[in-house]
Amino acid sequence: MSKNFEKVKSFYNADLWSEGMVRNAVDRWITVDEFLKIPGKEYENKKE
């Protein structure tokens, strides 16, 4: 697990980050597999 996974997850769960912000963290702070665990959706590389 990435060292920033829990941080990103907590930001998302506290409504501090949108799904798009979590998507932007992929390959920087979290992995594609970890993305699925946060918003519960498959990762799609698209801009918001």
PDB file of N, CA and C in Angstrom:
ATOM      1  N   MET A   1       0.843  -1.181   0.000  1.00  0.00           N
ATOM      2  CA  MET A   1       0.000   0.000   0.000  1.00  0.00           C
ATOM      3  C   MET A   1       0.889   1.246   0.000  1.00  0.00           C
ATOM      4  N   SER A   2       0.496   2.231  -0.773  1.00  0.00           N
ATOM      5  CA  SER A   2       1.244   3.481  -0.855  1.00  0.00           C
ATOM      6  C   SER A   2       1.253   4.190   0.491  1.00  0.00           C
ATOM      7  N   LYS A   3       2.322   4.934   0.734  1.00  0.00           N
ATOM      8  CA  LYS A   3       2.413   5.624   2.016  1.00  0.00           C
ATOM      9  C   LYS A   3       1.355   6.720   2.155  1.00  0.00           C
ATOM     10  N   ASN A   4       0.800   7.202   1.060  1.00  0.00           N
ATOM     11  CA  ASN A   4      -0.209   8.267   1.112  1.00  0.00           C
ATOM     12  C   ASN A   4      -1.645   7.773   0.939  1.00  0.00           C
ATOM     13  N   PHE A   5      -1.831   6.455   0.837  1.00  0.00           N
ATOM     14  CA  PHE A   5      -3.182   5.927   0.616  1.00  0.00           C
ATOM     15  C   PHE A   5      -4.156   6.375   1.701  1.00  0.00           C
ATOM     16  N   GLU A   6      -3.796   6.186   2.957  1.00  0.00           N
ATOM     17  CA  GLU A   6      -4.703   6.540   4.062  1.00  0.00           C
ATOM     18  C   GLU A   6      -4.994   8.036   4.080  1.00  0.00           C
ATOM     19  N   LYS A   7      -4.006   8.839   3.737  1.00  0.00           N
ATOM     20  CA  LYS A   7      -4.189  10.293   3.698  1.00  0.00           C
ATOM     21  C   LYS A   7      -5.199  10.669   2.617  1.00  0.00           C
ATOM     22  N   VAL A   8      -5.016  10.125   1.416  1.00  0.00           N
ATOM     23  CA  VAL A   8      -5.935  10.420   0.310  1.00  0.00           C
ATOM     24  C   VAL A   8      -7.339   9.930   0.651  1.00  0.00           C
ATOM     25  N   LYS A   9      -7.440   8.736   1.202  1.00  0.00           N
ATOM     26  CA  LYS A   9      -8.744   8.172   1.572  1.00  0.00           C
ATOM     27  C   LYS A   9      -9.440   9.042   2.615  1.00  0.00           C
ATOM     28  N   SER A  10      -8.687   9.514   3.602  1.00  0.00           N
ATOM     29  CA  SER A  10      -9.302  10.341   4.646  1.00  0.00           C
ATOM     30  C   SER A  10      -9.745  11.692   4.083  1.00  0.00           C
ATOM     31  N   PHE A  11      -8.967  12.272   3.170  1.00  0.00           N
ATOM     32  CA  PHE A  11      -9.371  13.532   2.535  1.00  0.00           C
ATOM     33  C   PHE A  11     -10.676  13.340   1.760  1.00  0.00           C
ATOM     34  N   TYR A  12     -10.771  12.232   1.028  1.00  0.00           N
ATOM     35  CA  TYR A  12     -11.974  11.955   0.232  1.00  0.00           C
ATOM     36  C   TYR A  12     -13.180  11.712   1.145  1.00  0.00           C
ATOM     37  N   ASN A  13     -12.989  10.909   2.174  1.00  0.00           N
ATOM     38  CA  ASN A  13     -14.098  10.589   3.083  1.00  0.00           C
ATOM     39  C   ASN A  13     -14.573  11.796   3.876  1.00  0.00           C
ATOM     40  N   ALA A  14     -13.701  12.769   4.093  1.00  0.00           N
ATOM     41  CA  ALA A  14     -14.067  13.991   4.815  1.00  0.00           C
ATOM     42  C   ALA A  14     -14.612  15.071   3.868  1.00  0.00           C
ATOM     43  N   ASP A  15     -14.817  14.694   2.609  1.00  0.00           N
ATOM     44  CA  ASP A  15     -15.303  15.618   1.575  1.00  0.00           C
ATOM     45  C   ASP A  15     -14.363  16.795   1.341  1.00  0.00           C
ATOM     46  N   LEU A  16     -13.077  16.592   1.613  1.00  0.00           N
ATOM     47  CA  LEU A  16     -12.083  17.621   1.324  1.00  0.00           C
ATOM     48  C   LEU A  16     -11.570  17.483  -0.106  1.00  0.00           C
ATOM     49  N   TRP A  17     -11.631  16.270  -0.631  1.00  0.00           N
ATOM     50  CA  TRP A  17     -11.208  15.989  -2.003  1.00  0.00           C
ATOM     51  C   TRP A  17     -12.378  15.405  -2.779  1.00  0.00           C
ATOM     52  N   SER A  18     -12.488  15.801  -4.051  1.00  0.00           N
ATOM     53  CA  SER A  18     -13.489  15.222  -4.951  1.00  0.00           C
ATOM     54  C   SER A  18     -12.920  13.947  -5.570  1.00  0.00           C
ATOM     55  N   GLU A  19     -13.770  13.226  -6.272  1.00  0.00           N
ATOM     56  CA  GLU A  19     -13.304  12.033  -6.984  1.00  0.00           C
ATOM     57  C   GLU A  19     -12.244  12.409  -8.013  1.00  0.00           C
ATOM     58  N   GLY A  20     -12.415  13.549  -8.654  1.00  0.00           N
ATOM     59  CA  GLY A  20     -11.428  14.012  -9.629  1.00  0.00           C
ATOM     60  C   GLY A  20     -10.069  14.278  -9.003  1.00  0.00           C
ATOM     61  N   MET A  21     -10.069  14.790  -7.801  1.00  0.00           N
ATOM     62  CA  MET A  21      -8.809  15.047  -7.103  1.00  0.00           C
ATOM     63  C   MET A  21      -8.125  13.734  -6.749  1.00  0.00           C
ATOM     64  N   VAL A  22      -8.921  12.740  -6.356  1.00  0.00           N
ATOM     65  CA  VAL A  22      -8.353  11.421  -6.068  1.00  0.00           C
ATOM     66  C   VAL A  22      -7.787  10.829  -7.352  1.00  0.00           C
ATOM     67  N   ARG A  23      -8.515  10.985  -8.457  1.00  0.00           N
ATOM     68  CA  ARG A  23      -8.043  10.494  -9.760  1.00  0.00           C
ATOM     69  C   ARG A  23      -6.706  11.137 -10.119  1.00  0.00           C
ATOM     70  N   ASN A  24      -6.565  12.423  -9.834  1.00  0.00           N
ATOM     71  CA  ASN A  24      -5.310  13.121 -10.138  1.00  0.00           C
ATOM     72  C   ASN A  24      -4.156  12.638  -9.272  1.00  0.00           C
ATOM     73  N   ALA A  25      -4.449  12.017  -8.148  1.00  0.00           N
ATOM     74  CA  ALA A  25      -3.405  11.506  -7.257  1.00  0.00           C
ATOM     75  C   ALA A  25      -2.841  10.166  -7.731  1.00  0.00           C
ATOM     76  N   VAL A  26      -3.524   9.519  -8.676  1.00  0.00           N
ATOM     77  CA  VAL A  26      -3.049   8.232  -9.190  1.00  0.00           C
ATOM     78  C   VAL A  26      -1.708   8.433  -9.889  1.00  0.00           C
ATOM     79  N   ASP A  27      -0.787   7.544  -9.610  1.00  0.00           N
ATOM     80  CA  ASP A  27       0.585   7.557 -10.115  1.00  0.00           C
ATOM     81  C   ASP A  27       1.437   8.649  -9.483  1.00  0.00           C
ATOM     82  N   ARG A  28       0.860   9.438  -8.596  1.00  0.00           N
ATOM     83  CA  ARG A  28       1.635  10.417  -7.837  1.00  0.00           C
ATOM     84  C   ARG A  28       1.653  10.010  -6.372  1.00  0.00           C
ATOM     85  N   TRP A  29       0.462   9.817  -5.809  1.00  0.00           N
ATOM     86  CA  TRP A  29       0.331   9.476  -4.392  1.00  0.00           C
ATOM     87  C   TRP A  29      -0.217   8.072  -4.179  1.00  0.00           C
ATOM     88  N   ILE A  30      -1.059   7.590  -5.094  1.00  0.00           N
ATOM     89  CA  ILE A  30      -1.690   6.270  -4.954  1.00  0.00           C
ATOM     90  C   ILE A  30      -1.592   5.510  -6.273  1.00  0.00           C
ATOM     91  N   THR A  31      -1.906   4.224  -6.210  1.00  0.00           N
ATOM     92  CA  THR A  31      -1.903   3.392  -7.410  1.00  0.00           C
ATOM     93  C   THR A  31      -3.306   3.303  -7.997  1.00  0.00           C
ATOM     94  N   VAL A  32      -3.391   2.770  -9.207  1.00  0.00           N
ATOM     95  CA  VAL A  32      -4.694   2.554  -9.854  1.00  0.00           C
ATOM     96  C   VAL A  32      -5.547   1.612  -9.003  1.00  0.00           C
ATOM     97  N   ASP A  33      -4.944   0.548  -8.464  1.00  0.00           N
ATOM     98  CA  ASP A  33      -5.685  -0.398  -7.629  1.00  0.00           C
ATOM     99  C   ASP A  33      -6.213   0.264  -6.363  1.00  0.00           C
ATOM    100  N   GLU A  34      -5.443   1.161  -5.800  1.00  0.00           N
ATOM    101  CA  GLU A  34      -5.888   1.855  -4.590  1.00  0.00           C
ATOM    102  C   GLU A  34      -7.021   2.828  -4.895  1.00  0.00           C
ATOM    103  N   PHE A  35      -7.032   3.393  -6.095  1.00  0.00           N
ATOM    104  CA  PHE A  35      -8.121   4.288  -6.490  1.00  0.00           C
ATOM    105  C   PHE A  35      -9.467   3.584  -6.325  1.00  0.00           C
ATOM    106  N   LEU A  36      -9.547   2.341  -6.761  1.00  0.00           N
ATOM    107  CA  LEU A  36     -10.788   1.570  -6.672  1.00  0.00           C
ATOM    108  C   LEU A  36     -11.283   1.475  -5.231  1.00  0.00           C
ATOM    109  N   LYS A  37     -10.379   1.429  -4.285  1.00  0.00           N
ATOM    110  CA  LYS A  37     -10.744   1.280  -2.872  1.00  0.00           C
ATOM    111  C   LYS A  37     -11.247   2.581  -2.252  1.00  0.00           C
ATOM    112  N   ILE A  38     -11.019   3.703  -2.890  1.00  0.00           N
ATOM    113  CA  ILE A  38     -11.422   4.986  -2.292  1.00  0.00           C
ATOM    114  C   ILE A  38     -12.832   5.384  -2.745  1.00  0.00           C
ATOM    115  N   PRO A  39     -13.059   5.724  -4.025  1.00  0.00           N
ATOM    116  CA  PRO A  39     -14.437   6.050  -4.405  1.00  0.00           C
ATOM    117  C   PRO A  39     -15.274   4.823  -4.774  1.00  0.00           C
ATOM    118  N   GLY A  40     -14.627   3.661  -4.881  1.00  0.00           N
ATOM    119  CA  GLY A  40     -15.370   2.442  -5.219  1.00  0.00           C
ATOM    120  C   GLY A  40     -15.706   2.326  -6.686  1.00  0.00           C
ATOM    121  N   LYS A  41     -14.961   3.026  -7.520  1.00  0.00           N
ATOM    122  CA  LYS A  41     -15.190   3.000  -8.968  1.00  0.00           C
ATOM    123  C   LYS A  41     -13.895   2.626  -9.665  1.00  0.00           C
ATOM    124  N   GLU A  42     -14.022   2.115 -10.881  1.00  0.00           N
ATOM    125  CA  GLU A  42     -12.855   1.809 -11.699  1.00  0.00           C
ATOM    126  C   GLU A  42     -12.172   3.108 -12.091  1.00  0.00           C
ATOM    127  N   TYR A  43     -10.860   3.058 -12.200  1.00  0.00           N
ATOM    128  CA  TYR A  43     -10.086   4.239 -12.603  1.00  0.00           C
ATOM    129  C   TYR A  43     -10.223   4.466 -14.089  1.00  0.00           C
ATOM    130  N   GLU A  44     -10.573   5.677 -14.462  1.00  0.00           N
ATOM    131  CA  GLU A  44     -10.575   6.112 -15.853  1.00  0.00           C
ATOM    132  C   GLU A  44      -9.769   7.388 -15.902  1.00  0.00           C
ATOM    133  N   ASN A  45      -8.812   7.444 -16.768  1.00  0.00           N
ATOM    134  CA  ASN A  45      -7.963   8.641 -16.878  1.00  0.00           C
ATOM    135  C   ASN A  45      -8.696   9.692 -17.682  1.00  0.00           C
ATOM    136  N   LYS A  46      -9.451  10.526 -17.003  1.00  0.00           N
ATOM    137  CA  LYS A  46     -10.160  11.613 -17.668  1.00  0.00           C
ATOM    138  C   LYS A  46     -10.028  12.862 -16.820  1.00  0.00           C
ATOM    139  N   LYS A  47     -10.157  13.990 -17.453  1.00  0.00           N
ATOM    140  CA  LYS A  47     -10.049  15.258 -16.736  1.00  0.00           C
ATOM    141  C   LYS A  47     -11.429  15.741 -16.341  1.00  0.00           C
ATOM    142  N   GLU A  48     -11.473  16.353 -15.156  1.00  0.00           N
ATOM    143  CA  GLU A  48     -12.736  16.875 -14.657  1.00  0.00           C
ATOM    144  C   GLU A  48     -12.834  18.354 -14.884  1.00  0.00           C
TER     145      GLU A  48
END
